[in-house]
Amino acid sequence: MQAIHTMVNSAPPGSSQVWLTDSGAPNYMTAYLNNLTLASPYPTADTIQTANGEGLTVSHVGQSIINSSMSSLKLDSVLLVPQLTQNLLLVHRLCLDNNCWLIFDAFCFWIQDKATRRILYRGLCSNGLYPIHAFSLSSSTQPYQLRHSWPTCSVQSMAP
């Protein structure tokens, strides 16, 4: 098992992680083993098909938590795909796993809890993408790393 762990990517502890929201991804996916908790080897030889037809190997599956200064978002069944260059969040699953809405406009986005209407995350659109900047809350993380200058987006509560 040790050999498997040394072959996968590892992001530096305490570093900022970026997760891209994706409405077309088949599942949550990351290239970094340290983004997973309770990771176990992936039980099949299934691959993730890319747009160019390349099959990417899934090595592990686990859970993850995206921590920001506003909240924590839980992610179940995150696939570890070492060949990826970005962490991908499946929008539909994010909404199901966290009982929330993701609201997008041309300039910014926010995640809102359905039950409490509390804003869980706010972010800016970047080159047509909606990245979620997360922080590892390891013991080496300093409080100033969790402060964030939030975009000035008009946030309105979504009513059922």
C-alpha atoms as a PDB file:
ATOM      1  CA  MET A   1       0.000   0.000   0.000  1.00  0.00           C
ATOM      2  CA  GLN A   2       2.899   2.382   0.694  1.00  0.00           C
ATOM      3  CA  ALA A   3       4.021   2.106  -2.932  1.00  0.00           C
ATOM      4  CA  ILE A   4       0.605   3.200  -4.170  1.00  0.00           C
ATOM      5  CA  HIS A   5       0.677   6.306  -2.013  1.00  0.00           C
ATOM      6  CA  THR A   6       4.075   7.398  -3.283  1.00  0.00           C
ATOM      7  CA  MET A   7       2.939   7.188  -6.904  1.00  0.00           C
ATOM      8  CA  VAL A   8       0.075   9.706  -6.619  1.00  0.00           C
ATOM      9  CA  ASN A   9       0.234  13.483  -6.460  1.00  0.00           C
ATOM     10  CA  SER A  10       0.404  15.245  -3.145  1.00  0.00           C
ATOM     11  CA  ALA A  11      -0.296  18.942  -2.712  1.00  0.00           C
ATOM     12  CA  PRO A  12       1.721  20.717  -0.025  1.00  0.00           C
ATOM     13  CA  PRO A  13      -0.072  20.651   3.358  1.00  0.00           C
ATOM     14  CA  GLY A  14      -1.762  23.900   4.328  1.00  0.00           C
ATOM     15  CA  SER A  15      -1.788  25.116   0.735  1.00  0.00           C
ATOM     16  CA  SER A  16      -4.702  26.679  -1.041  1.00  0.00           C
ATOM     17  CA  GLN A  17      -6.656  24.289  -3.257  1.00  0.00           C
ATOM     18  CA  VAL A  18      -8.843  25.273  -6.179  1.00  0.00           C
ATOM     19  CA  TRP A  19     -11.892  23.199  -7.146  1.00  0.00           C
ATOM     20  CA  LEU A  20     -13.641  23.982 -10.436  1.00  0.00           C
ATOM     21  CA  THR A  21     -17.424  23.640 -10.550  1.00  0.00           C
ATOM     22  CA  ASP A  22     -18.454  21.412 -13.445  1.00  0.00           C
ATOM     23  CA  SER A  23     -21.975  20.520 -14.514  1.00  0.00           C
ATOM     24  CA  GLY A  24     -20.735  17.820 -16.915  1.00  0.00           C
ATOM     25  CA  ALA A  25     -18.237  15.898 -14.777  1.00  0.00           C
ATOM     26  CA  PRO A  26     -19.281  12.301 -14.021  1.00  0.00           C
ATOM     27  CA  ASN A  27     -18.224  12.633 -10.371  1.00  0.00           C
ATOM     28  CA  TYR A  28     -16.085  14.654  -7.986  1.00  0.00           C
ATOM     29  CA  MET A  29     -12.460  14.188  -9.029  1.00  0.00           C
ATOM     30  CA  THR A  30      -9.073  15.192  -7.672  1.00  0.00           C
ATOM     31  CA  ALA A  31      -5.448  14.478  -8.536  1.00  0.00           C
ATOM     32  CA  TYR A  32      -4.251  14.804  -4.934  1.00  0.00           C
ATOM     33  CA  LEU A  33      -4.392  11.987  -2.402  1.00  0.00           C
ATOM     34  CA  ASN A  34      -4.216  14.462   0.501  1.00  0.00           C
ATOM     35  CA  ASN A  35      -7.586  15.898  -0.644  1.00  0.00           C
ATOM     36  CA  LEU A  36      -9.186  12.601   0.417  1.00  0.00           C
ATOM     37  CA  THR A  37     -10.147  11.235   3.801  1.00  0.00           C
ATOM     38  CA  LEU A  38     -11.059   7.593   4.306  1.00  0.00           C
ATOM     39  CA  ALA A  39      -9.508   6.785   0.929  1.00  0.00           C
ATOM     40  CA  SER A  40      -9.511   3.226  -0.334  1.00  0.00           C
ATOM     41  CA  PRO A  41      -8.322   1.636  -3.580  1.00  0.00           C
ATOM     42  CA  TYR A  42     -10.847   1.967  -6.404  1.00  0.00           C
ATOM     43  CA  PRO A  43     -12.545  -1.429  -6.752  1.00  0.00           C
ATOM     44  CA  THR A  44     -12.678  -1.654 -10.575  1.00  0.00           C
ATOM     45  CA  ALA A  45     -10.511  -0.909 -13.591  1.00  0.00           C
ATOM     46  CA  ASP A  46     -12.973   1.701 -14.917  1.00  0.00           C
ATOM     47  CA  THR A  47     -11.468   4.810 -16.475  1.00  0.00           C
ATOM     48  CA  ILE A  48     -12.650   8.395 -16.907  1.00  0.00           C
ATOM     49  CA  GLN A  49     -13.050   9.290 -20.577  1.00  0.00           C
ATOM     50  CA  THR A  50     -11.770  12.730 -21.572  1.00  0.00           C
ATOM     51  CA  ALA A  51     -13.014  14.862 -24.479  1.00  0.00           C
ATOM     52  CA  ASN A  52     -10.163  13.585 -26.669  1.00  0.00           C
ATOM     53  CA  GLY A  53     -11.065   9.954 -25.910  1.00  0.00           C
ATOM     54  CA  GLU A  54      -8.171   9.318 -23.525  1.00  0.00           C
ATOM     55  CA  GLY A  55      -9.004   7.060 -20.575  1.00  0.00           C
ATOM     56  CA  LEU A  56      -7.728   8.272 -17.196  1.00  0.00           C
ATOM     57  CA  THR A  57      -7.188   5.710 -14.445  1.00  0.00           C
ATOM     58  CA  VAL A  58      -9.029   6.027 -11.131  1.00  0.00           C
ATOM     59  CA  SER A  59      -6.749   4.793  -8.336  1.00  0.00           C
ATOM     60  CA  HIS A  60      -8.727   5.539  -5.140  1.00  0.00           C
ATOM     61  CA  VAL A  61     -12.101   6.727  -3.898  1.00  0.00           C
ATOM     62  CA  GLY A  62     -12.786   8.624  -0.699  1.00  0.00           C
ATOM     63  CA  GLN A  63     -14.440  11.550   0.964  1.00  0.00           C
ATOM     64  CA  SER A  64     -13.312  15.141   1.130  1.00  0.00           C
ATOM     65  CA  ILE A  65     -14.188  18.385   2.853  1.00  0.00           C
ATOM     66  CA  ILE A  66     -13.716  21.773   1.243  1.00  0.00           C
ATOM     67  CA  ASN A  67     -13.008  24.301   3.964  1.00  0.00           C
ATOM     68  CA  SER A  68     -13.382  28.013   3.392  1.00  0.00           C
ATOM     69  CA  SER A  69     -13.585  30.903   5.804  1.00  0.00           C
ATOM     70  CA  MET A  70     -17.396  30.798   5.508  1.00  0.00           C
ATOM     71  CA  SER A  71     -18.188  27.072   5.805  1.00  0.00           C
ATOM     72  CA  SER A  72     -17.232  23.500   5.056  1.00  0.00           C
ATOM     73  CA  LEU A  73     -18.669  21.539   2.157  1.00  0.00           C
ATOM     74  CA  LYS A  74     -18.673  17.744   2.266  1.00  0.00           C
ATOM     75  CA  LEU A  75     -17.918  15.643  -0.776  1.00  0.00           C
ATOM     76  CA  ASP A  76     -18.783  11.930  -0.889  1.00  0.00           C
ATOM     77  CA  SER A  77     -17.299   9.433  -3.351  1.00  0.00           C
ATOM     78  CA  VAL A  78     -14.449  11.590  -4.644  1.00  0.00           C
ATOM     79  CA  LEU A  79     -12.389   9.815  -7.301  1.00  0.00           C
ATOM     80  CA  LEU A  80      -8.601  10.076  -7.213  1.00  0.00           C
ATOM     81  CA  VAL A  81      -7.403  10.466 -10.817  1.00  0.00           C
ATOM     82  CA  PRO A  82      -3.653  11.188 -10.667  1.00  0.00           C
ATOM     83  CA  GLN A  83      -3.457  12.372 -14.317  1.00  0.00           C
ATOM     84  CA  LEU A  84      -5.888  15.274 -13.757  1.00  0.00           C
ATOM     85  CA  THR A  85      -4.641  18.838 -13.780  1.00  0.00           C
ATOM     86  CA  GLN A  86      -7.639  20.331 -11.909  1.00  0.00           C
ATOM     87  CA  ASN A  87      -9.916  19.331  -9.040  1.00  0.00           C
ATOM     88  CA  LEU A  88     -13.476  19.015 -10.375  1.00  0.00           C
ATOM     89  CA  LEU A  89     -16.745  19.434  -8.473  1.00  0.00           C
ATOM     90  CA  LEU A  90     -19.886  17.914  -9.892  1.00  0.00           C
ATOM     91  CA  VAL A  91     -22.487  20.670  -9.331  1.00  0.00           C
ATOM     92  CA  HIS A  92     -25.460  18.296  -9.037  1.00  0.00           C
ATOM     93  CA  ARG A  93     -23.759  16.123  -6.402  1.00  0.00           C
ATOM     94  CA  LEU A  94     -22.509  19.173  -4.484  1.00  0.00           C
ATOM     95  CA  CYS A  95     -26.112  20.379  -4.195  1.00  0.00           C
ATOM     96  CA  LEU A  96     -27.345  16.931  -3.094  1.00  0.00           C
ATOM     97  CA  ASP A  97     -24.536  16.264  -0.596  1.00  0.00           C
ATOM     98  CA  ASN A  98     -24.841  19.688   1.049  1.00  0.00           C
ATOM     99  CA  ASN A  99     -28.554  20.539   0.618  1.00  0.00           C
ATOM    100  CA  CYS A 100     -27.646  23.762  -1.148  1.00  0.00           C
ATOM    101  CA  TRP A 101     -28.115  25.867  -4.263  1.00  0.00           C
ATOM    102  CA  LEU A 102     -25.335  27.081  -6.535  1.00  0.00           C
ATOM    103  CA  ILE A 103     -26.315  30.399  -8.074  1.00  0.00           C
ATOM    104  CA  PHE A 104     -24.297  31.644 -11.044  1.00  0.00           C
ATOM    105  CA  ASP A 105     -24.294  34.908 -12.960  1.00  0.00           C
ATOM    106  CA  ALA A 106     -21.853  36.351 -15.474  1.00  0.00           C
ATOM    107  CA  PHE A 107     -19.507  37.799 -12.848  1.00  0.00           C
ATOM    108  CA  CYS A 108     -19.827  35.803  -9.635  1.00  0.00           C
ATOM    109  CA  PHE A 109     -21.475  32.871  -7.921  1.00  0.00           C
ATOM    110  CA  TRP A 110     -22.519  31.780  -4.476  1.00  0.00           C
ATOM    111  CA  ILE A 111     -23.522  28.636  -2.638  1.00  0.00           C
ATOM    112  CA  GLN A 112     -26.519  28.943  -0.335  1.00  0.00           C
ATOM    113  CA  ASP A 113     -27.865  26.484   2.238  1.00  0.00           C
ATOM    114  CA  LYS A 114     -31.476  25.596   1.351  1.00  0.00           C
ATOM    115  CA  ALA A 115     -32.679  25.157   4.930  1.00  0.00           C
ATOM    116  CA  THR A 116     -31.096  28.181   6.613  1.00  0.00           C
ATOM    117  CA  ARG A 117     -30.580  30.421   3.538  1.00  0.00           C
ATOM    118  CA  ARG A 118     -27.064  31.061   4.888  1.00  0.00           C
ATOM    119  CA  ILE A 119     -24.416  31.851   2.277  1.00  0.00           C
ATOM    120  CA  LEU A 120     -21.835  29.066   2.385  1.00  0.00           C
ATOM    121  CA  TYR A 121     -19.458  30.442  -0.233  1.00  0.00           C
ATOM    122  CA  ARG A 122     -19.065  33.407  -2.591  1.00  0.00           C
ATOM    123  CA  GLY A 123     -16.666  33.637  -5.482  1.00  0.00           C
ATOM    124  CA  LEU A 124     -15.864  35.412  -8.717  1.00  0.00           C
ATOM    125  CA  CYS A 125     -16.092  34.075 -12.247  1.00  0.00           C
ATOM    126  CA  SER A 126     -12.590  33.667 -13.682  1.00  0.00           C
ATOM    127  CA  ASN A 127     -12.217  33.324 -17.465  1.00  0.00           C
ATOM    128  CA  GLY A 128     -15.648  31.700 -17.708  1.00  0.00           C
ATOM    129  CA  LEU A 129     -14.939  29.262 -14.846  1.00  0.00           C
ATOM    130  CA  TYR A 130     -16.331  29.295 -11.312  1.00  0.00           C
ATOM    131  CA  PRO A 131     -13.496  28.231  -8.973  1.00  0.00           C
ATOM    132  CA  ILE A 132     -13.917  27.424  -5.296  1.00  0.00           C
ATOM    133  CA  HIS A 133     -10.804  28.323  -3.332  1.00  0.00           C
ATOM    134  CA  ALA A 134     -10.455  26.035  -0.346  1.00  0.00           C
ATOM    135  CA  PHE A 135      -7.993  25.908   2.495  1.00  0.00           C
ATOM    136  CA  SER A 136      -6.514  22.975   4.308  1.00  0.00           C
ATOM    137  CA  LEU A 137      -7.190  23.405   8.009  1.00  0.00           C
ATOM    138  CA  SER A 138      -4.090  21.585   9.130  1.00  0.00           C
ATOM    139  CA  SER A 139      -2.318  22.581  12.311  1.00  0.00           C
ATOM    140  CA  SER A 140       0.162  24.587  10.237  1.00  0.00           C
ATOM    141  CA  THR A 141      -2.563  26.853   8.806  1.00  0.00           C
ATOM    142  CA  GLN A 142      -2.440  30.345  10.232  1.00  0.00           C
ATOM    143  CA  PRO A 143      -5.690  32.290  10.840  1.00  0.00           C
ATOM    144  CA  TYR A 144      -4.754  34.972   8.310  1.00  0.00           C
ATOM    145  CA  GLN A 145      -4.822  32.336   5.563  1.00  0.00           C
ATOM    146  CA  LEU A 146      -8.547  31.845   6.171  1.00  0.00           C
ATOM    147  CA  ARG A 147      -9.484  35.508   5.740  1.00  0.00           C
ATOM    148  CA  HIS A 148     -10.705  36.373   2.305  1.00  0.00           C
ATOM    149  CA  SER A 149     -11.755  39.513   0.507  1.00  0.00           C
ATOM    150  CA  TRP A 150     -15.213  38.646  -0.784  1.00  0.00           C
ATOM    151  CA  PRO A 151     -16.471  39.910  -4.110  1.00  0.00           C
ATOM    152  CA  THR A 152     -19.214  42.499  -4.135  1.00  0.00           C
ATOM    153  CA  CYS A 153     -21.955  40.406  -5.657  1.00  0.00           C
ATOM    154  CA  SER A 154     -25.624  41.015  -5.149  1.00  0.00           C
ATOM    155  CA  VAL A 155     -26.766  37.955  -3.192  1.00  0.00           C
ATOM    156  CA  GLN A 156     -30.465  37.366  -2.853  1.00  0.00           C
ATOM    157  CA  SER A 157     -32.059  34.514  -0.973  1.00  0.00           C
ATOM    158  CA  MET A 158     -33.552  31.860  -3.210  1.00  0.00           C
ATOM    159  CA  ALA A 159     -37.131  31.158  -2.150  1.00  0.00           C
ATOM    160  CA  PRO A 160     -38.859  27.846  -2.910  1.00  0.00           C
END
